[in-house]
């Protein structure tokens, strides 16, 4: 997902959530809007973790930024980076 697409999705999610709160919508509509926002944020966090690893950041540093242990963050995101969680080095296969 590109940065522009990510921003678009976040904007749409916020609009949906705001509309459901303003209209005191059915709880399932509100949950659907919140679920969409959660999906957007999960994808944003994943993209930033990949970026941080490409910049050579450690799993411990990423874990601190997310408020969890390095083991937890590596278990969740290692499959999103190449080479089993090692940093992706641009220009190398």
N, C-alpha and C. Protein backbone atom coordinates (compact mmCIF):
# COMPACT_ATOMS: atom_id res chain seq x y z
N UNK A 1 0.86 -1.16 0.00
CA UNK A 1 0.00 0.00 0.00
C UNK A 1 0.91 1.23 0.00
N UNK A 2 0.68 2.14 -0.92
CA UNK A 2 1.48 3.36 -0.99
C UNK A 2 1.08 4.30 0.14
N UNK A 3 1.91 5.31 0.36
CA UNK A 3 1.62 6.30 1.39
C UNK A 3 0.29 7.00 1.09
N UNK A 4 0.09 7.35 -0.19
CA UNK A 4 -1.15 8.01 -0.58
C UNK A 4 -2.35 7.11 -0.30
N UNK A 5 -2.25 5.84 -0.67
CA UNK A 5 -3.36 4.91 -0.41
C UNK A 5 -3.61 4.77 1.08
N UNK A 6 -2.55 4.69 1.85
CA UNK A 6 -2.70 4.58 3.29
C UNK A 6 -3.41 5.78 3.88
N UNK A 7 -3.03 6.97 3.43
CA UNK A 7 -3.69 8.18 3.92
C UNK A 7 -5.16 8.21 3.51
N UNK A 8 -5.43 7.78 2.28
CA UNK A 8 -6.82 7.75 1.81
C UNK A 8 -7.65 6.82 2.68
N UNK A 9 -7.13 5.62 2.93
CA UNK A 9 -7.86 4.66 3.76
C UNK A 9 -8.09 5.20 5.17
N UNK A 10 -7.07 5.83 5.75
CA UNK A 10 -7.23 6.39 7.09
C UNK A 10 -8.27 7.50 7.10
N UNK A 11 -8.27 8.33 6.08
CA UNK A 11 -9.27 9.40 5.98
C UNK A 11 -10.67 8.82 5.87
N UNK A 12 -10.83 7.81 5.04
CA UNK A 12 -12.13 7.17 4.87
C UNK A 12 -12.59 6.51 6.17
N UNK A 13 -11.66 5.85 6.85
CA UNK A 13 -12.01 5.19 8.11
C UNK A 13 -12.45 6.22 9.14
N UNK A 14 -11.74 7.33 9.21
CA UNK A 14 -12.11 8.38 10.17
C UNK A 14 -13.48 8.96 9.85
N UNK A 15 -13.75 9.19 8.57
CA UNK A 15 -15.06 9.71 8.17
C UNK A 15 -16.18 8.75 8.56
N UNK A 16 -15.96 7.45 8.32
CA UNK A 16 -16.97 6.45 8.66
C UNK A 16 -17.20 6.41 10.16
N UNK A 17 -16.12 6.45 10.92
CA UNK A 17 -16.24 6.40 12.38
C UNK A 17 -16.93 7.66 12.90
N UNK A 18 -16.53 8.82 12.39
CA UNK A 18 -17.17 10.08 12.80
C UNK A 18 -18.66 10.06 12.50
N UNK A 19 -19.02 9.56 11.31
CA UNK A 19 -20.44 9.53 10.93
C UNK A 19 -21.24 8.62 11.84
N UNK A 20 -20.68 7.48 12.20
CA UNK A 20 -21.42 6.56 13.06
C UNK A 20 -21.57 7.13 14.47
N UNK A 21 -20.55 7.83 14.95
CA UNK A 21 -20.64 8.44 16.28
C UNK A 21 -21.62 9.62 16.28
N UNK A 22 -21.57 10.44 15.24
CA UNK A 22 -22.44 11.61 15.16
C UNK A 22 -23.91 11.22 15.05
N UNK A 23 -24.18 10.14 14.36
CA UNK A 23 -25.56 9.70 14.14
C UNK A 23 -26.04 8.69 15.16
N UNK A 24 -25.20 8.41 16.14
CA UNK A 24 -25.53 7.37 17.13
C UNK A 24 -26.04 6.12 16.42
N UNK A 25 -25.23 5.69 15.49
CA UNK A 25 -25.57 4.55 14.64
C UNK A 25 -25.68 3.27 15.44
N UNK A 26 -26.22 2.30 14.78
CA UNK A 26 -26.32 0.97 15.35
C UNK A 26 -24.93 0.51 15.78
N UNK A 27 -24.86 -0.23 16.86
CA UNK A 27 -23.56 -0.66 17.39
C UNK A 27 -22.78 -1.49 16.38
N UNK A 28 -23.44 -2.26 15.55
CA UNK A 28 -22.72 -3.05 14.54
C UNK A 28 -22.12 -2.16 13.46
N UNK A 29 -22.80 -1.08 13.10
CA UNK A 29 -22.24 -0.12 12.15
C UNK A 29 -21.00 0.54 12.73
N UNK A 30 -21.08 0.90 14.01
CA UNK A 30 -19.94 1.50 14.68
C UNK A 30 -18.78 0.52 14.77
N UNK A 31 -19.07 -0.73 15.07
CA UNK A 31 -18.02 -1.75 15.12
C UNK A 31 -17.37 -1.95 13.75
N UNK A 32 -18.19 -1.93 12.71
CA UNK A 32 -17.64 -2.08 11.35
C UNK A 32 -16.71 -0.92 11.03
N UNK A 33 -17.10 0.29 11.38
CA UNK A 33 -16.25 1.46 11.13
C UNK A 33 -14.96 1.37 11.94
N UNK A 34 -15.06 0.96 13.19
CA UNK A 34 -13.88 0.82 14.04
C UNK A 34 -12.97 -0.30 13.52
N UNK A 35 -13.57 -1.37 13.03
CA UNK A 35 -12.79 -2.47 12.46
C UNK A 35 -12.02 -2.03 11.23
N UNK A 36 -12.63 -1.19 10.41
CA UNK A 36 -11.95 -0.67 9.22
C UNK A 36 -10.78 0.22 9.63
N UNK A 37 -10.99 1.05 10.64
CA UNK A 37 -9.91 1.90 11.14
C UNK A 37 -8.77 1.03 11.68
N UNK A 38 -9.11 0.00 12.40
CA UNK A 38 -8.09 -0.92 12.94
C UNK A 38 -7.30 -1.57 11.82
N UNK A 39 -7.98 -1.99 10.74
CA UNK A 39 -7.31 -2.58 9.59
C UNK A 39 -6.31 -1.58 9.00
N UNK A 40 -6.73 -0.33 8.87
CA UNK A 40 -5.86 0.71 8.32
C UNK A 40 -4.63 0.91 9.19
N UNK A 41 -4.84 0.98 10.49
CA UNK A 41 -3.72 1.20 11.41
C UNK A 41 -2.79 0.00 11.44
N UNK A 42 -3.32 -1.22 11.39
CA UNK A 42 -2.48 -2.41 11.35
C UNK A 42 -1.56 -2.39 10.13
N UNK A 43 -2.11 -1.99 8.98
CA UNK A 43 -1.30 -1.92 7.78
C UNK A 43 -0.25 -0.82 7.86
N UNK A 44 -0.60 0.29 8.48
CA UNK A 44 0.37 1.38 8.65
C UNK A 44 1.51 0.94 9.56
N UNK A 45 1.19 0.30 10.67
CA UNK A 45 2.22 -0.18 11.59
C UNK A 45 3.13 -1.17 10.88
N UNK A 46 2.55 -2.09 10.13
CA UNK A 46 3.36 -3.08 9.40
C UNK A 46 4.31 -2.39 8.42
N UNK A 47 3.83 -1.40 7.69
CA UNK A 47 4.67 -0.68 6.74
C UNK A 47 5.82 0.03 7.45
N UNK A 48 5.54 0.63 8.61
CA UNK A 48 6.59 1.33 9.35
C UNK A 48 7.59 0.35 9.97
N UNK A 49 7.15 -0.82 10.37
CA UNK A 49 8.08 -1.83 10.88
C UNK A 49 9.03 -2.26 9.76
N UNK A 50 8.49 -2.52 8.59
CA UNK A 50 9.33 -2.89 7.45
C UNK A 50 10.34 -1.78 7.16
N UNK A 51 9.87 -0.53 7.16
CA UNK A 51 10.75 0.61 6.91
C UNK A 51 11.84 0.69 7.98
N UNK A 52 11.47 0.51 9.22
CA UNK A 52 12.45 0.57 10.31
C UNK A 52 13.50 -0.52 10.15
N UNK A 53 13.08 -1.73 9.79
CA UNK A 53 14.04 -2.82 9.59
C UNK A 53 14.96 -2.54 8.41
N UNK A 54 14.40 -1.96 7.33
CA UNK A 54 15.23 -1.60 6.18
C UNK A 54 16.26 -0.54 6.54
N UNK A 55 15.94 0.29 7.54
CA UNK A 55 16.87 1.32 8.02
C UNK A 55 17.85 0.77 9.06
N UNK A 56 17.76 -0.53 9.33
CA UNK A 56 18.69 -1.17 10.24
C UNK A 56 18.30 -1.11 11.71
N UNK A 57 17.06 -0.74 12.00
CA UNK A 57 16.61 -0.67 13.40
C UNK A 57 16.48 -2.08 13.97
N UNK A 58 16.79 -2.22 15.23
CA UNK A 58 16.71 -3.52 15.90
C UNK A 58 15.28 -3.84 16.29
N UNK A 59 15.03 -5.14 16.49
CA UNK A 59 13.71 -5.57 16.96
C UNK A 59 13.44 -4.98 18.34
N UNK A 60 14.49 -4.83 19.17
CA UNK A 60 14.31 -4.25 20.50
C UNK A 60 13.84 -2.80 20.40
N UNK A 61 14.46 -2.02 19.50
CA UNK A 61 14.07 -0.62 19.33
C UNK A 61 12.63 -0.50 18.82
N UNK A 62 12.27 -1.36 17.88
CA UNK A 62 10.92 -1.36 17.34
C UNK A 62 9.93 -1.75 18.43
N UNK A 63 10.28 -2.75 19.23
CA UNK A 63 9.42 -3.17 20.33
C UNK A 63 9.20 -2.04 21.33
N UNK A 64 10.27 -1.31 21.66
CA UNK A 64 10.12 -0.18 22.58
C UNK A 64 9.17 0.87 22.00
N UNK A 65 9.31 1.13 20.70
CA UNK A 65 8.44 2.14 20.07
C UNK A 65 6.97 1.71 20.10
N UNK A 66 6.72 0.41 20.03
CA UNK A 66 5.35 -0.11 20.03
C UNK A 66 4.87 -0.51 21.42
N UNK A 67 5.74 -0.42 22.41
CA UNK A 67 5.34 -0.74 23.77
C UNK A 67 5.23 -2.23 24.05
N UNK A 68 6.08 -3.02 23.39
CA UNK A 68 6.07 -4.47 23.64
C UNK A 68 7.50 -5.00 23.55
N UNK A 69 7.68 -6.27 23.82
CA UNK A 69 9.02 -6.86 23.82
C UNK A 69 9.52 -7.09 22.39
N UNK A 70 10.84 -7.22 22.27
CA UNK A 70 11.42 -7.51 20.95
C UNK A 70 10.95 -8.86 20.44
N UNK A 71 10.76 -9.81 21.37
CA UNK A 71 10.28 -11.13 20.97
C UNK A 71 8.88 -11.06 20.38
N UNK A 72 8.02 -10.27 21.03
CA UNK A 72 6.64 -10.15 20.55
C UNK A 72 6.58 -9.48 19.19
N UNK A 73 7.34 -8.40 19.03
CA UNK A 73 7.30 -7.69 17.76
C UNK A 73 7.93 -8.51 16.64
N UNK A 74 8.99 -9.26 16.95
CA UNK A 74 9.62 -10.11 15.93
C UNK A 74 8.68 -11.25 15.54
N UNK A 75 8.02 -11.84 16.51
CA UNK A 75 7.08 -12.93 16.20
C UNK A 75 5.95 -12.44 15.30
N UNK A 76 5.51 -11.22 15.52
CA UNK A 76 4.40 -10.68 14.73
C UNK A 76 4.82 -10.23 13.33
N UNK A 77 6.03 -9.63 13.21
CA UNK A 77 6.39 -8.98 11.96
C UNK A 77 7.54 -9.61 11.18
N UNK A 78 8.21 -10.62 11.72
CA UNK A 78 9.37 -11.17 11.02
C UNK A 78 9.02 -11.67 9.62
N UNK A 79 7.81 -12.20 9.44
CA UNK A 79 7.44 -12.72 8.13
C UNK A 79 7.21 -11.61 7.11
N UNK A 80 7.09 -10.36 7.55
CA UNK A 80 6.88 -9.26 6.61
C UNK A 80 8.19 -8.71 6.07
N UNK A 81 9.30 -9.13 6.66
CA UNK A 81 10.60 -8.72 6.15
C UNK A 81 11.27 -9.93 5.53
N UNK A 82 12.14 -9.70 4.60
CA UNK A 82 12.83 -10.80 3.93
C UNK A 82 13.89 -11.39 4.84
N UNK A 83 14.37 -12.55 4.48
CA UNK A 83 15.48 -13.22 5.16
C UNK A 83 15.17 -13.53 6.62
N UNK A 84 13.92 -13.94 6.91
CA UNK A 84 13.56 -14.37 8.25
C UNK A 84 13.64 -13.30 9.31
N UNK A 85 13.40 -12.06 8.93
CA UNK A 85 13.38 -11.00 9.91
C UNK A 85 14.65 -10.18 9.96
N UNK A 86 15.67 -10.54 9.18
CA UNK A 86 16.86 -9.72 9.12
C UNK A 86 16.54 -8.47 8.31
N UNK A 87 17.28 -7.39 8.52
CA UNK A 87 16.98 -6.17 7.77
C UNK A 87 17.13 -6.39 6.27
N UNK A 88 16.25 -5.78 5.51
CA UNK A 88 16.33 -5.86 4.07
C UNK A 88 17.32 -4.80 3.61
N UNK A 89 18.32 -5.23 2.87
CA UNK A 89 19.33 -4.30 2.40
C UNK A 89 19.01 -3.94 0.96
N UNK A 90 18.73 -2.67 0.68
CA UNK A 90 18.37 -2.27 -0.69
C UNK A 90 19.45 -2.68 -1.68
N UNK A 91 19.00 -3.21 -2.81
CA UNK A 91 19.91 -3.60 -3.87
C UNK A 91 20.45 -5.02 -3.74
N UNK A 92 20.08 -5.71 -2.67
CA UNK A 92 20.52 -7.10 -2.50
C UNK A 92 19.32 -8.02 -2.57
N UNK A 93 19.52 -9.19 -3.15
CA UNK A 93 18.45 -10.19 -3.25
C UNK A 93 18.53 -11.16 -2.12
